[in-house]
């Protein structure tokens, strides 16, 4: 051993930052207050902007993937900040179909058995009846949610990182006049 004992004591660790990722800050006066303001700005402004950017990537992809342009499904896709679950620097955004506006969203995503007769109304929308079909028909799935999330994870993370870096630069320039 090196005479300092085992474990981490006595070791020197150096953190290196690339020039693009470094942060500068001038602090005059109250250091604790300035750091507290900086922490609050990061928790509220930076993380929220990053989470919103990631949610937007998923939102756009889901809307692009919806297999039908007519009807309520495409209009029902939403993104919103969940205020109840967003706190202490954790931002939660929900993205997906509004289940009240499009209660049968899952039938397109996962497929279903068509057991009743349907017809297209004068307004161009499909109308279901209570009259049973002689033979149920399987309507195959047309996934739009799962491919959006699986296919856009990296793009969402990249968008989040880019937006958070941009917002962090804005916050530090606001705190450093």
Protein backbone atom coordinates (compact mmCIF):
# COMPACT_ATOMS: atom_id res chain seq x y z
CA UNK A 1 0.00 0.00 0.00
CA UNK A 2 1.00 3.59 -0.31
CA UNK A 3 1.11 4.30 3.41
CA UNK A 4 -2.24 6.04 3.35
CA UNK A 5 -4.34 2.99 4.10
CA UNK A 6 -6.83 1.30 1.88
CA UNK A 7 -9.94 2.83 0.44
CA UNK A 8 -10.54 6.20 -1.13
CA UNK A 9 -8.88 8.41 1.46
CA UNK A 10 -5.84 10.18 0.19
CA UNK A 11 -6.61 9.77 -3.49
CA UNK A 12 -6.79 12.83 -5.66
CA UNK A 13 -9.51 13.00 -8.30
CA UNK A 14 -9.54 15.58 -11.03
CA UNK A 15 -12.63 16.49 -12.97
CA UNK A 16 -12.02 17.72 -16.47
CA UNK A 17 -14.54 19.65 -18.48
CA UNK A 18 -14.38 20.21 -22.20
CA UNK A 19 -14.45 23.89 -23.14
CA UNK A 20 -17.94 23.54 -24.62
CA UNK A 21 -19.36 22.10 -21.40
CA UNK A 22 -17.81 24.44 -18.85
CA UNK A 23 -19.87 26.93 -16.89
CA UNK A 24 -18.61 30.25 -15.63
CA UNK A 25 -20.15 32.34 -12.91
CA UNK A 26 -19.20 35.60 -11.25
CA UNK A 27 -20.38 35.77 -7.67
CA UNK A 28 -20.34 39.06 -5.84
CA UNK A 29 -21.64 39.24 -2.35
CA UNK A 30 -23.81 36.37 -1.12
CA UNK A 31 -22.30 33.12 -2.48
CA UNK A 32 -24.88 30.88 -0.83
CA UNK A 33 -27.74 32.99 -2.16
CA UNK A 34 -26.27 33.00 -5.67
CA UNK A 35 -25.84 29.23 -5.64
CA UNK A 36 -29.38 28.80 -4.33
CA UNK A 37 -30.72 30.99 -7.15
CA UNK A 38 -28.69 28.99 -9.66
CA UNK A 39 -30.03 25.69 -8.28
CA UNK A 40 -33.61 26.97 -8.42
CA UNK A 41 -33.16 28.16 -12.00
CA UNK A 42 -31.79 24.77 -13.02
CA UNK A 43 -34.59 22.88 -11.27
CA UNK A 44 -37.33 24.97 -12.79
CA UNK A 45 -36.20 26.41 -16.10
CA UNK A 46 -33.54 24.02 -17.40
CA UNK A 47 -35.12 20.68 -16.55
CA UNK A 48 -38.58 21.80 -17.65
CA UNK A 49 -37.29 23.03 -21.01
CA UNK A 50 -35.42 19.77 -21.57
CA UNK A 51 -38.36 17.57 -20.63
CA UNK A 52 -40.66 19.59 -22.89
CA UNK A 53 -38.24 19.20 -25.81
CA UNK A 54 -38.18 15.41 -25.33
CA UNK A 55 -41.97 15.25 -25.03
CA UNK A 56 -42.31 17.27 -28.24
CA UNK A 57 -40.22 14.73 -30.17
CA UNK A 58 -42.55 11.92 -29.05
CA UNK A 59 -45.67 14.03 -29.66
CA UNK A 60 -44.66 14.84 -33.23
CA UNK A 61 -43.77 11.22 -34.00
CA UNK A 62 -47.03 9.85 -32.58
CA UNK A 63 -49.06 12.30 -34.67
CA UNK A 64 -47.02 11.36 -37.73
CA UNK A 65 -47.62 7.63 -37.05
CA UNK A 66 -51.39 7.77 -36.53
CA UNK A 67 -52.62 5.57 -39.40
CA UNK A 68 -55.85 7.45 -40.10
CA UNK A 69 -56.21 11.15 -40.80
CA UNK A 70 -59.96 11.16 -40.37
CA UNK A 71 -61.67 10.84 -37.03
CA UNK A 72 -60.72 11.91 -33.56
CA UNK A 73 -57.56 9.90 -32.94
CA UNK A 74 -55.04 12.31 -34.49
CA UNK A 75 -56.75 15.27 -32.84
CA UNK A 76 -56.70 13.53 -29.47
CA UNK A 77 -52.90 13.19 -29.26
CA UNK A 78 -51.65 15.56 -26.57
CA UNK A 79 -48.67 16.46 -24.40
CA UNK A 80 -48.91 18.19 -21.06
CA UNK A 81 -46.89 18.76 -17.93
CA UNK A 82 -48.14 16.66 -15.04
CA UNK A 83 -48.15 19.22 -12.23
CA UNK A 84 -48.99 16.63 -9.57
CA UNK A 85 -45.91 14.50 -10.31
CA UNK A 86 -43.52 17.31 -11.29
CA UNK A 87 -41.63 18.64 -8.28
CA UNK A 88 -38.15 19.17 -6.83
CA UNK A 89 -36.39 19.30 -10.19
CA UNK A 90 -38.25 16.30 -11.63
CA UNK A 91 -40.38 17.20 -14.64
CA UNK A 92 -43.03 14.76 -15.87
CA UNK A 93 -44.75 15.24 -19.22
CA UNK A 94 -47.48 12.93 -20.48
CA UNK A 95 -47.74 12.22 -24.20
CA UNK A 96 -50.37 10.08 -25.91
CA UNK A 97 -53.99 9.90 -26.98
CA UNK A 98 -56.63 11.57 -24.84
CA UNK A 99 -58.76 8.62 -23.78
CA UNK A 100 -61.88 10.78 -23.41
CA UNK A 101 -61.67 12.20 -26.92
CA UNK A 102 -60.67 8.88 -28.53
CA UNK A 103 -61.84 6.11 -26.17
CA UNK A 104 -61.08 3.35 -28.69
CA UNK A 105 -57.44 4.35 -29.34
CA UNK A 106 -56.23 0.92 -28.21
CA UNK A 107 -58.22 -0.88 -30.92
CA UNK A 108 -55.99 0.62 -33.60
CA UNK A 109 -52.79 0.17 -31.60
CA UNK A 110 -53.36 -3.49 -30.69
CA UNK A 111 -55.97 -4.71 -33.20
CA UNK A 112 -59.42 -6.10 -32.39
CA UNK A 113 -62.25 -8.37 -33.44
CA UNK A 114 -65.04 -6.61 -35.32
CA UNK A 115 -68.21 -8.40 -34.16
CA UNK A 116 -70.89 -5.84 -35.05
CA UNK A 117 -71.80 -4.40 -38.42
CA UNK A 118 -70.55 -0.91 -39.21
CA UNK A 119 -71.33 1.56 -41.96
CA UNK A 120 -70.00 4.90 -43.07
CA UNK A 121 -72.36 7.76 -42.25
CA UNK A 122 -73.17 10.77 -44.41
CA UNK A 123 -70.54 12.79 -42.52
CA UNK A 124 -67.86 10.25 -43.50
CA UNK A 125 -67.47 8.75 -40.04
CA UNK A 126 -67.87 5.08 -39.25
CA UNK A 127 -70.95 4.21 -37.20
CA UNK A 128 -71.30 1.00 -35.25
CA UNK A 129 -74.60 -0.86 -34.95
CA UNK A 130 -75.85 -3.48 -32.53
CA UNK A 131 -76.42 -5.91 -35.39
CA UNK A 132 -73.95 -8.82 -35.16
CA UNK A 133 -71.84 -9.91 -38.10
CA UNK A 134 -72.31 -13.53 -39.23
CA UNK A 135 -68.55 -14.11 -38.80
CA UNK A 136 -66.35 -11.87 -36.65
CA UNK A 137 -63.56 -10.19 -38.58
CA UNK A 138 -60.06 -9.61 -37.19
CA UNK A 139 -58.86 -6.05 -37.70
CA UNK A 140 -55.05 -6.18 -37.53
CA UNK A 141 -53.12 -3.73 -35.34
CA UNK A 142 -51.67 -0.55 -36.77
CA UNK A 143 -49.26 0.48 -34.00
CA UNK A 144 -48.51 4.16 -33.75
CA UNK A 145 -47.60 4.65 -30.07
CA UNK A 146 -45.06 1.90 -29.49
CA UNK A 147 -43.01 2.57 -32.64
CA UNK A 148 -42.92 6.27 -31.80
CA UNK A 149 -41.45 5.66 -28.35
CA UNK A 150 -39.07 2.91 -29.41
CA UNK A 151 -37.87 4.70 -32.52
CA UNK A 152 -37.40 8.17 -31.09
CA UNK A 153 -35.71 7.59 -27.73
CA UNK A 154 -32.29 8.72 -28.96
CA UNK A 155 -33.73 11.69 -30.82
CA UNK A 156 -35.68 12.73 -27.71
CA UNK A 157 -32.60 12.44 -25.51
CA UNK A 158 -30.59 14.47 -28.02
CA UNK A 159 -33.31 17.14 -28.16
CA UNK A 160 -33.42 17.24 -24.36
CA UNK A 161 -29.64 17.61 -24.06
CA UNK A 162 -29.50 20.33 -26.71
CA UNK A 163 -32.37 22.30 -25.18
CA UNK A 164 -31.02 21.95 -21.65
CA UNK A 165 -27.57 23.13 -22.75
CA UNK A 166 -29.15 26.13 -24.48
CA UNK A 167 -31.32 26.94 -21.47
CA UNK A 168 -28.36 26.54 -19.10
CA UNK A 169 -26.41 29.10 -21.12
CA UNK A 170 -29.40 31.46 -20.90
CA UNK A 171 -29.73 30.97 -17.14
CA UNK A 172 -26.04 31.55 -16.47
CA UNK A 173 -26.06 34.70 -18.62
CA UNK A 174 -29.11 35.97 -16.68
CA UNK A 175 -27.35 35.39 -13.37
CA UNK A 176 -24.12 36.92 -14.71
CA UNK A 177 -25.02 40.34 -16.07
